[in-house]
């Protein structure tokens, strides 16, 4: 006798989508891109603020401005992205219950 699964013992995988807390791949890619874009924009803003206020040799302050601006903005965008992804997951869960 063969040990292959038969349709009568429900060993075949179902076609239903498995439950997962992960948001869709497109949403995760969009969140990552928004964090990167926010970090770049924050770095440019930090550079511009220091560049406007400094005269002479300002390489170190400009670098610090870029780092602080990029870090703070990327962190803020990360918080927003996590909140949006969680809201998307809850919304999908409510839609699946209908």
PDB file of N, CA and C in Angstrom:
ATOM      1  N   UNK A   1       0.832  -1.167   0.000  1.00  0.00           N
ATOM      2  CA  UNK A   1       0.000   0.000   0.000  1.00  0.00           C
ATOM      3  C   UNK A   1       0.887   1.243   0.000  1.00  0.00           C
ATOM      4  N   UNK A   2       0.473   2.264  -0.689  1.00  0.00           N
ATOM      5  CA  UNK A   2       1.255   3.481  -0.844  1.00  0.00           C
ATOM      6  C   UNK A   2       1.006   4.440   0.319  1.00  0.00           C
ATOM      7  N   UNK A   3       2.026   5.220   0.657  1.00  0.00           N
ATOM      8  CA  UNK A   3       1.884   6.197   1.735  1.00  0.00           C
ATOM      9  C   UNK A   3       1.601   7.597   1.196  1.00  0.00           C
ATOM     10  N   UNK A   4       1.189   7.686  -0.052  1.00  0.00           N
ATOM     11  CA  UNK A   4       0.863   8.986  -0.625  1.00  0.00           C
ATOM     12  C   UNK A   4      -0.453   9.500  -0.056  1.00  0.00           C
ATOM     13  N   UNK A   5      -0.574  10.815   0.138  1.00  0.00           N
ATOM     14  CA  UNK A   5      -1.825  11.350   0.672  1.00  0.00           C
ATOM     15  C   UNK A   5      -2.948  11.200  -0.346  1.00  0.00           C
ATOM     16  N   UNK A   6      -4.103  10.977   0.175  1.00  0.00           N
ATOM     17  CA  UNK A   6      -5.295  10.874  -0.680  1.00  0.00           C
ATOM     18  C   UNK A   6      -6.228  12.023  -0.361  1.00  0.00           C
ATOM     19  N   UNK A   7      -7.117  12.355  -1.290  1.00  0.00           N
ATOM     20  CA  UNK A   7      -8.033  13.466  -1.034  1.00  0.00           C
ATOM     21  C   UNK A   7      -8.947  13.226   0.157  1.00  0.00           C
ATOM     22  N   UNK A   8      -9.160  11.987   0.547  1.00  0.00           N
ATOM     23  CA  UNK A   8     -10.088  11.713   1.632  1.00  0.00           C
ATOM     24  C   UNK A   8      -9.521  12.074   3.008  1.00  0.00           C
ATOM     25  N   UNK A   9      -8.186  12.118   3.166  1.00  0.00           N
ATOM     26  CA  UNK A   9      -7.645  12.418   4.487  1.00  0.00           C
ATOM     27  C   UNK A   9      -7.194  13.869   4.640  1.00  0.00           C
ATOM     28  N   UNK A  10      -7.570  14.728   3.710  1.00  0.00           N
ATOM     29  CA  UNK A  10      -7.314  16.182   3.782  1.00  0.00           C
ATOM     30  C   UNK A  10      -5.835  16.517   3.945  1.00  0.00           C
ATOM     31  N   UNK A  11      -4.948  15.753   3.354  1.00  0.00           N
ATOM     32  CA  UNK A  11      -3.516  16.019   3.449  1.00  0.00           C
ATOM     33  C   UNK A  11      -3.047  16.992   2.388  1.00  0.00           C
ATOM     34  N   UNK A  12      -3.893  17.287   1.404  1.00  0.00           N
ATOM     35  CA  UNK A  12      -3.503  18.224   0.360  1.00  0.00           C
ATOM     36  C   UNK A  12      -3.670  19.655   0.854  1.00  0.00           C
ATOM     37  N   UNK A  13      -2.791  20.550   0.456  1.00  0.00           N
ATOM     38  CA  UNK A  13      -2.936  21.944   0.899  1.00  0.00           C
ATOM     39  C   UNK A  13      -4.194  22.574   0.294  1.00  0.00           C
ATOM     40  N   UNK A  14      -4.777  23.444   1.059  1.00  0.00           N
ATOM     41  CA  UNK A  14      -5.968  24.145   0.579  1.00  0.00           C
ATOM     42  C   UNK A  14      -5.565  25.353  -0.243  1.00  0.00           C
ATOM     43  N   UNK A  15      -6.491  25.886  -0.991  1.00  0.00           N
ATOM     44  CA  UNK A  15      -6.208  27.044  -1.827  1.00  0.00           C
ATOM     45  C   UNK A  15      -6.436  28.349  -1.091  1.00  0.00           C
ATOM     46  N   UNK A  16      -6.863  28.281   0.178  1.00  0.00           N
ATOM     47  CA  UNK A  16      -7.088  29.498   0.946  1.00  0.00           C
ATOM     48  C   UNK A  16      -5.756  30.153   1.282  1.00  0.00           C
ATOM     49  N   UNK A  17      -5.799  31.471   1.404  1.00  0.00           N
ATOM     50  CA  UNK A  17      -4.602  32.223   1.765  1.00  0.00           C
ATOM     51  C   UNK A  17      -4.322  32.015   3.253  1.00  0.00           C
ATOM     52  N   UNK A  18      -3.088  31.644   3.628  1.00  0.00           N
ATOM     53  CA  UNK A  18      -2.782  31.442   5.046  1.00  0.00           C
ATOM     54  C   UNK A  18      -2.791  32.777   5.787  1.00  0.00           C
ATOM     55  N   UNK A  19      -3.158  32.711   7.053  1.00  0.00           N
ATOM     56  CA  UNK A  19      -3.162  33.921   7.862  1.00  0.00           C
ATOM     57  C   UNK A  19      -1.737  34.392   8.090  1.00  0.00           C
ATOM     58  N   UNK A  20      -1.518  35.685   7.934  1.00  0.00           N
ATOM     59  CA  UNK A  20      -0.194  36.253   8.121  1.00  0.00           C
ATOM     60  C   UNK A  20      -0.336  37.687   8.592  1.00  0.00           C
ATOM     61  N   UNK A  21       0.561  38.084   9.483  1.00  0.00           N
ATOM     62  CA  UNK A  21       0.562  39.459   9.964  1.00  0.00           C
ATOM     63  C   UNK A  21       1.365  40.373   9.048  1.00  0.00           C
ATOM     64  N   UNK A  22       2.039  39.789   8.058  1.00  0.00           N
ATOM     65  CA  UNK A  22       2.844  40.605   7.145  1.00  0.00           C
ATOM     66  C   UNK A  22       1.959  41.380   6.179  1.00  0.00           C
ATOM     67  N   UNK A  23       2.255  42.662   5.995  1.00  0.00           N
ATOM     68  CA  UNK A  23       1.534  43.407   4.971  1.00  0.00           C
ATOM     69  C   UNK A  23       1.986  42.946   3.585  1.00  0.00           C
ATOM     70  N   UNK A  24       1.262  43.315   2.557  1.00  0.00           N
ATOM     71  CA  UNK A  24       1.664  42.911   1.209  1.00  0.00           C
ATOM     72  C   UNK A  24       3.067  43.416   0.855  1.00  0.00           C
ATOM     73  N   UNK A  25       3.712  42.703  -0.060  1.00  0.00           N
ATOM     74  CA  UNK A  25       5.084  43.040  -0.452  1.00  0.00           C
ATOM     75  C   UNK A  25       5.160  44.457  -1.010  1.00  0.00           C
ATOM     76  N   UNK A  26       4.184  44.861  -1.810  1.00  0.00           N
ATOM     77  CA  UNK A  26       4.190  46.209  -2.385  1.00  0.00           C
ATOM     78  C   UNK A  26       4.146  47.291  -1.313  1.00  0.00           C
ATOM     79  N   UNK A  27       3.372  47.057  -0.258  1.00  0.00           N
ATOM     80  CA  UNK A  27       3.285  48.034   0.828  1.00  0.00           C
ATOM     81  C   UNK A  27       4.609  48.131   1.589  1.00  0.00           C
ATOM     82  N   UNK A  28       5.268  46.990   1.777  1.00  0.00           N
ATOM     83  CA  UNK A  28       6.572  47.020   2.463  1.00  0.00           C
ATOM     84  C   UNK A  28       7.628  47.721   1.622  1.00  0.00           C
ATOM     85  N   UNK A  29       7.593  47.513   0.315  1.00  0.00           N
ATOM     86  CA  UNK A  29       8.547  48.189  -0.572  1.00  0.00           C
ATOM     87  C   UNK A  29       8.285  49.689  -0.572  1.00  0.00           C
ATOM     88  N   UNK A  30       7.001  50.079  -0.627  1.00  0.00           N
ATOM     89  CA  UNK A  30       6.666  51.501  -0.590  1.00  0.00           C
ATOM     90  C   UNK A  30       7.099  52.139   0.729  1.00  0.00           C
ATOM     91  N   UNK A  31       6.946  51.425   1.843  1.00  0.00           N
ATOM     92  CA  UNK A  31       7.371  51.953   3.140  1.00  0.00           C
ATOM     93  C   UNK A  31       8.883  52.131   3.183  1.00  0.00           C
ATOM     94  N   UNK A  32       9.615  51.155   2.667  1.00  0.00           N
ATOM     95  CA  UNK A  32      11.075  51.264   2.637  1.00  0.00           C
ATOM     96  C   UNK A  32      11.511  52.451   1.784  1.00  0.00           C
ATOM     97  N   UNK A  33      10.906  52.599   0.602  1.00  0.00           N
ATOM     98  CA  UNK A  33      11.267  53.720  -0.279  1.00  0.00           C
ATOM     99  C   UNK A  33      10.946  55.060   0.367  1.00  0.00           C
ATOM    100  N   UNK A  34       9.824  55.135   1.089  1.00  0.00           N
ATOM    101  CA  UNK A  34       9.486  56.399   1.744  1.00  0.00           C
ATOM    102  C   UNK A  34      10.476  56.736   2.852  1.00  0.00           C
ATOM    103  N   UNK A  35      10.968  55.733   3.565  1.00  0.00           N
ATOM    104  CA  UNK A  35      11.959  55.980   4.618  1.00  0.00           C
ATOM    105  C   UNK A  35      13.267  56.468   3.996  1.00  0.00           C
ATOM    106  N   UNK A  36      13.692  55.837   2.911  1.00  0.00           N
ATOM    107  CA  UNK A  36      14.928  56.258   2.234  1.00  0.00           C
ATOM    108  C   UNK A  36      14.773  57.674   1.682  1.00  0.00           C
ATOM    109  N   UNK A  37      13.650  57.945   1.022  1.00  0.00           N
ATOM    110  CA  UNK A  37      13.418  59.280   0.466  1.00  0.00           C
ATOM    111  C   UNK A  37      13.363  60.329   1.580  1.00  0.00           C
ATOM    112  N   UNK A  38      12.723  60.001   2.694  1.00  0.00           N
ATOM    113  CA  UNK A  38      12.679  60.926   3.828  1.00  0.00           C
ATOM    114  C   UNK A  38      14.059  61.201   4.395  1.00  0.00           C
ATOM    115  N   UNK A  39      14.885  60.167   4.482  1.00  0.00           N
ATOM    116  CA  UNK A  39      16.255  60.349   4.971  1.00  0.00           C
ATOM    117  C   UNK A  39      17.073  61.241   4.056  1.00  0.00           C
ATOM    118  N   UNK A  40      16.925  61.042   2.744  1.00  0.00           N
ATOM    119  CA  UNK A  40      17.645  61.891   1.779  1.00  0.00           C
ATOM    120  C   UNK A  40      17.183  63.336   1.895  1.00  0.00           C
ATOM    121  N   UNK A  41      15.861  63.535   1.979  1.00  0.00           N
ATOM    122  CA  UNK A  41      15.332  64.898   2.103  1.00  0.00           C
ATOM    123  C   UNK A  41      15.800  65.555   3.401  1.00  0.00           C
ATOM    124  N   UNK A  42      15.795  64.803   4.499  1.00  0.00           N
ATOM    125  CA  UNK A  42      16.269  65.348   5.769  1.00  0.00           C
ATOM    126  C   UNK A  42      17.743  65.700   5.740  1.00  0.00           C
ATOM    127  N   UNK A  43      18.540  64.875   5.072  1.00  0.00           N
ATOM    128  CA  UNK A  43      19.963  65.179   4.934  1.00  0.00           C
ATOM    129  C   UNK A  43      20.195  66.450   4.142  1.00  0.00           C
ATOM    130  N   UNK A  44      19.432  66.626   3.071  1.00  0.00           N
ATOM    131  CA  UNK A  44      19.550  67.853   2.274  1.00  0.00           C
ATOM    132  C   UNK A  44      19.120  69.081   3.071  1.00  0.00           C
ATOM    133  N   UNK A  45      18.066  68.941   3.850  1.00  0.00           N
ATOM    134  CA  UNK A  45      17.606  70.063   4.675  1.00  0.00           C
ATOM    135  C   UNK A  45      18.646  70.386   5.747  1.00  0.00           C
ATOM    136  N   UNK A  46      19.206  69.352   6.401  1.00  0.00           N
ATOM    137  CA  UNK A  46      20.252  69.584   7.413  1.00  0.00           C
ATOM    138  C   UNK A  46      21.468  70.260   6.816  1.00  0.00           C
ATOM    139  N   UNK A  47      21.867  69.831   5.612  1.00  0.00           N
ATOM    140  CA  UNK A  47      22.999  70.462   4.939  1.00  0.00           C
ATOM    141  C   UNK A  47      22.703  71.923   4.629  1.00  0.00           C
ATOM    142  N   UNK A  48      21.507  72.193   4.111  1.00  0.00           N
ATOM    143  CA  UNK A  48      21.150  73.564   3.738  1.00  0.00           C
ATOM    144  C   UNK A  48      21.098  74.486   4.949  1.00  0.00           C
ATOM    145  N   UNK A  49      20.568  73.991   6.069  1.00  0.00           N
ATOM    146  CA  UNK A  49      20.504  74.830   7.270  1.00  0.00           C
ATOM    147  C   UNK A  49      21.899  75.208   7.771  1.00  0.00           C
ATOM    148  N   UNK A  50      22.799  74.251   7.783  1.00  0.00           N
ATOM    149  CA  UNK A  50      24.161  74.542   8.247  1.00  0.00           C
ATOM    150  C   UNK A  50      24.887  75.404   7.226  1.00  0.00           C
ATOM    151  N   UNK A  51      24.695  75.146   5.950  1.00  0.00           N
ATOM    152  CA  UNK A  51      25.364  75.903   4.895  1.00  0.00           C
ATOM    153  C   UNK A  51      24.963  77.375   4.926  1.00  0.00           C
ATOM    154  N   UNK A  52      23.715  77.662   5.237  1.00  0.00           N
ATOM    155  CA  UNK A  52      23.257  79.051   5.308  1.00  0.00           C
ATOM    156  C   UNK A  52      23.838  79.796   6.507  1.00  0.00           C
ATOM    157  N   UNK A  53      24.114  79.099   7.586  1.00  0.00           N
ATOM    158  CA  UNK A  53      24.547  79.744   8.817  1.00  0.00           C
ATOM    159  C   UNK A  53      26.056  79.768   9.006  1.00  0.00           C
ATOM    160  N   UNK A  54      26.791  79.011   8.216  1.00  0.00           N
ATOM    161  CA  UNK A  54      28.225  78.868   8.430  1.00  0.00           C
ATOM    162  C   UNK A  54      29.003  79.565   7.311  1.00  0.00           C
ATOM    163  N   UNK A  55      30.136  80.135   7.666  1.00  0.00           N
ATOM    164  CA  UNK A  55      31.014  80.729   6.655  1.00  0.00           C
ATOM    165  C   UNK A  55      32.432  80.212   6.888  1.00  0.00           C
ATOM    166  N   UNK A  56      33.181  80.075   5.818  1.00  0.00           N
ATOM    167  CA  UNK A  56      34.545  79.551   5.934  1.00  0.00           C
ATOM    168  C   UNK A  56      34.556  78.040   5.750  1.00  0.00           C
ATOM    169  N   UNK A  57      35.472  77.393   6.459  1.00  0.00           N
ATOM    170  CA  UNK A  57      35.594  75.933   6.371  1.00  0.00           C
ATOM    171  C   UNK A  57      34.521  75.293   7.243  1.00  0.00           C
ATOM    172  N   UNK A  58      33.519  74.725   6.610  1.00  0.00           N
ATOM    173  CA  UNK A  58      32.365  74.187   7.342  1.00  0.00           C
ATOM    174  C   UNK A  58      32.116  72.717   7.054  1.00  0.00           C
ATOM    175  N   UNK A  59      33.135  71.980   6.694  1.00  0.00           N
ATOM    176  CA  UNK A  59      32.925  70.582   6.322  1.00  0.00           C
ATOM    177  C   UNK A  59      32.375  69.747   7.468  1.00  0.00           C
ATOM    178  N   UNK A  60      32.945  69.904   8.657  1.00  0.00           N
ATOM    179  CA  UNK A  60      32.483  69.106   9.794  1.00  0.00           C
ATOM    180  C   UNK A  60      31.068  69.480  10.211  1.00  0.00           C
ATOM    181  N   UNK A  61      30.743  70.773  10.379  1.00  0.00           N
ATOM    182  CA  UNK A  61      29.357  71.104  10.729  1.00  0.00           C
ATOM    183  C   UNK A  61      28.352  70.685   9.655  1.00  0.00           C
ATOM    184  N   UNK A  62      28.728  70.792   8.379  1.00  0.00           N
ATOM    185  CA  UNK A  62      27.815  70.360   7.315  1.00  0.00           C
ATOM    186  C   UNK A  62      27.585  68.859   7.382  1.00  0.00           C
ATOM    187  N   UNK A  63      28.635  68.100   7.650  1.00  0.00           N
ATOM    188  CA  UNK A  63      28.500  66.649   7.797  1.00  0.00           C
ATOM    189  C   UNK A  63      27.603  66.275   8.959  1.00  0.00           C
ATOM    190  N   UNK A  64      27.767  67.001  10.072  1.00  0.00           N
ATOM    191  CA  UNK A  64      26.917  66.754  11.238  1.00  0.00           C
ATOM    192  C   UNK A  64      25.468  67.115  10.909  1.00  0.00           C
ATOM    193  N   UNK A  65      25.264  68.209  10.199  1.00  0.00           N
ATOM    194  CA  UNK A  65      23.916  68.611   9.793  1.00  0.00           C
ATOM    195  C   UNK A  65      23.257  67.571   8.897  1.00  0.00           C
ATOM    196  N   UNK A  66      24.028  67.029   7.955  1.00  0.00           N
ATOM    197  CA  UNK A  66      23.497  65.986   7.070  1.00  0.00           C
ATOM    198  C   UNK A  66      23.135  64.750   7.888  1.00  0.00           C
ATOM    199  N   UNK A  67      24.026  64.324   8.779  1.00  0.00           N
ATOM    200  CA  UNK A  67      23.791  63.115   9.572  1.00  0.00           C
ATOM    201  C   UNK A  67      22.573  63.262  10.483  1.00  0.00           C
ATOM    202  N   UNK A  68      22.515  64.382  11.212  1.00  0.00           N
ATOM    203  CA  UNK A  68      21.400  64.584  12.146  1.00  0.00           C
ATOM    204  C   UNK A  68      20.085  64.723  11.385  1.00  0.00           C
ATOM    205  N   UNK A  69      20.084  65.512  10.314  1.00  0.00           N
ATOM    206  CA  UNK A  69      18.858  65.685   9.534  1.00  0.00           C
ATOM    207  C   UNK A  69      18.370  64.378   8.929  1.00  0.00           C
ATOM    208  N   UNK A  70      19.277  63.600   8.356  1.00  0.00           N
ATOM    209  CA  UNK A  70      18.894  62.331   7.736  1.00  0.00           C
ATOM    210  C   UNK A  70      18.418  61.329   8.782  1.00  0.00           C
ATOM    211  N   UNK A  71      19.110  61.265   9.909  1.00  0.00           N
ATOM    212  CA  UNK A  71      18.745  60.301  10.948  1.00  0.00           C
ATOM    213  C   UNK A  71      17.377  60.612  11.541  1.00  0.00           C
ATOM    214  N   UNK A  72      17.165  61.865  11.904  1.00  0.00           N
ATOM    215  CA  UNK A  72      15.882  62.231  12.514  1.00  0.00           C
ATOM    216  C   UNK A  72      14.715  62.064  11.540  1.00  0.00           C
ATOM    217  N   UNK A  73      14.922  62.463  10.310  1.00  0.00           N
ATOM    218  CA  UNK A  73      13.835  62.364   9.335  1.00  0.00           C
ATOM    219  C   UNK A  73      13.540  60.910   8.984  1.00  0.00           C
ATOM    220  N   UNK A  74      14.566  60.098   8.811  1.00  0.00           N
ATOM    221  CA  UNK A  74      14.340  58.685   8.515  1.00  0.00           C
ATOM    222  C   UNK A  74      13.651  57.987   9.690  1.00  0.00           C
ATOM    223  N   UNK A  75      14.023  58.330  10.914  1.00  0.00           N
ATOM    224  CA  UNK A  75      13.371  57.737  12.088  1.00  0.00           C
ATOM    225  C   UNK A  75      11.893  58.138  12.143  1.00  0.00           C
ATOM    226  N   UNK A  76      11.607  59.396  11.872  1.00  0.00           N
ATOM    227  CA  UNK A  76      10.217  59.848  11.842  1.00  0.00           C
ATOM    228  C   UNK A  76       9.411  59.161  10.752  1.00  0.00           C
ATOM    229  N   UNK A  77      10.015  59.021   9.581  1.00  0.00           N
ATOM    230  CA  UNK A  77       9.328  58.320   8.489  1.00  0.00           C
ATOM    231  C   UNK A  77       9.147  56.841   8.827  1.00  0.00           C
ATOM    232  N   UNK A  78      10.084  56.272   9.559  1.00  0.00           N
ATOM    233  CA  UNK A  78       9.947  54.882   9.979  1.00  0.00           C
ATOM    234  C   UNK A  78       8.752  54.684  10.900  1.00  0.00           C
ATOM    235  N   UNK A  79       8.563  55.622  11.827  1.00  0.00           N
ATOM    236  CA  UNK A  79       7.406  55.551  12.727  1.00  0.00           C
ATOM    237  C   UNK A  79       6.112  55.645  11.926  1.00  0.00           C
ATOM    238  N   UNK A  80       6.057  56.594  11.004  1.00  0.00           N
ATOM    239  CA  UNK A  80       4.862  56.755  10.173  1.00  0.00           C
ATOM    240  C   UNK A  80       4.621  55.506   9.331  1.00  0.00           C
ATOM    241  N   UNK A  81       5.672  54.944   8.766  1.00  0.00           N
ATOM    242  CA  UNK A  81       5.533  53.754   7.925  1.00  0.00           C
ATOM    243  C   UNK A  81       5.003  52.570   8.731  1.00  0.00           C
ATOM    244  N   UNK A  82       5.499  52.391   9.951  1.00  0.00           N
ATOM    245  CA  UNK A  82       5.021  51.291  10.792  1.00  0.00           C
ATOM    246  C   UNK A  82       3.544  51.484  11.126  1.00  0.00           C
ATOM    247  N   UNK A  83       3.156  52.700  11.454  1.00  0.00           N
ATOM    248  CA  UNK A  83       1.745  52.953  11.765  1.00  0.00           C
ATOM    249  C   UNK A  83       0.851  52.699  10.557  1.00  0.00           C
ATOM    250  N   UNK A  84       1.308  53.106   9.375  1.00  0.00           N
ATOM    251  CA  UNK A  84       0.517  52.879   8.163  1.00  0.00           C
ATOM    252  C   UNK A  84       0.420  51.387   7.861  1.00  0.00           C
ATOM    253  N   UNK A  85       1.509  50.652   7.996  1.00  0.00           N
ATOM    254  CA  UNK A  85       1.481  49.215   7.729  1.00  0.00           C
ATOM    255  C   UNK A  85       0.586  48.475   8.720  1.00  0.00           C
ATOM    256  N   UNK A  86       0.603  48.889   9.974  1.00  0.00           N
ATOM    257  CA  UNK A  86      -0.293  48.272  10.963  1.00  0.00           C
ATOM    258  C   UNK A  86      -1.753  48.579  10.647  1.00  0.00           C
ATOM    259  N   UNK A  87      -2.029  49.817  10.278  1.00  0.00           N
ATOM    260  CA  UNK A  87      -3.403  50.181   9.915  1.00  0.00           C
ATOM    261  C   UNK A  87      -3.849  49.396   8.691  1.00  0.00           C
ATOM    262  N   UNK A  88      -2.957  49.204   7.735  1.00  0.00           N
ATOM    263  CA  UNK A  88      -3.280  48.416   6.549  1.00  0.00           C
ATOM    264  C   UNK A  88      -3.591  46.974   6.928  1.00  0.00           C
ATOM    265  N   UNK A  89      -2.818  46.412   7.841  1.00  0.00           N
ATOM    266  CA  UNK A  89      -3.077  45.049   8.292  1.00  0.00           C
ATOM    267  C   UNK A  89      -4.411  44.913   8.992  1.00  0.00           C
ATOM    268  N   UNK A  90      -4.758  45.880   9.845  1.00  0.00           N
ATOM    269  CA  UNK A  90      -6.049  45.841  10.519  1.00  0.00           C
ATOM    270  C   UNK A  90      -7.191  46.015   9.532  1.00  0.00           C
ATOM    271  N   UNK A  91      -7.013  46.881   8.554  1.00  0.00           N
ATOM    272  CA  UNK A  91      -8.050  47.105   7.553  1.00  0.00           C
ATOM    273  C   UNK A  91      -8.288  45.835   6.737  1.00  0.00           C
ATOM    274  N   UNK A  92      -7.192  45.167   6.343  1.00  0.00           N
ATOM    275  CA  UNK A  92      -7.325  43.919   5.588  1.00  0.00           C
ATOM    276  C   UNK A  92      -8.005  42.847   6.432  1.00  0.00           C
ATOM    277  N   UNK A  93      -7.701  42.822   7.730  1.00  0.00           N
ATOM    278  CA  UNK A  93      -8.332  41.841   8.599  1.00  0.00           C
ATOM    279  C   UNK A  93      -9.834  42.069   8.674  1.00  0.00           C
ATOM    280  N   UNK A  94     -10.250  43.331   8.789  1.00  0.00           N
ATOM    281  CA  UNK A  94     -11.676  43.636   8.794  1.00  0.00           C
ATOM    282  C   UNK A  94     -12.339  43.285   7.477  1.00  0.00           C
ATOM    283  N   UNK A  95     -11.637  43.509   6.363  1.00  0.00           N
ATOM    284  CA  UNK A  95     -12.184  43.169   5.058  1.00  0.00           C
ATOM    285  C   UNK A  95     -12.317  41.654   4.893  1.00  0.00           C
ATOM    286  N   UNK A  96     -11.388  40.886   5.453  1.00  0.00           N
ATOM    287  CA  UNK A  96     -11.436  39.433   5.341  1.00  0.00           C
ATOM    288  C   UNK A  96     -12.576  38.829   6.166  1.00  0.00           C
ATOM    289  N   UNK A  97     -12.980  39.503   7.240  1.00  0.00           N
ATOM    290  CA  UNK A  97     -14.056  38.991   8.080  1.00  0.00           C
ATOM    291  C   UNK A  97     -15.429  39.131   7.433  1.00  0.00           C
ATOM    292  N   UNK A  98     -15.550  40.032   6.465  1.00  0.00           N
ATOM    293  CA  UNK A  98     -16.853  40.254   5.820  1.00  0.00           C
ATOM    294  C   UNK A  98     -17.262  39.136   4.938  1.00  0.00           C
TER     295      UNK A  98
END
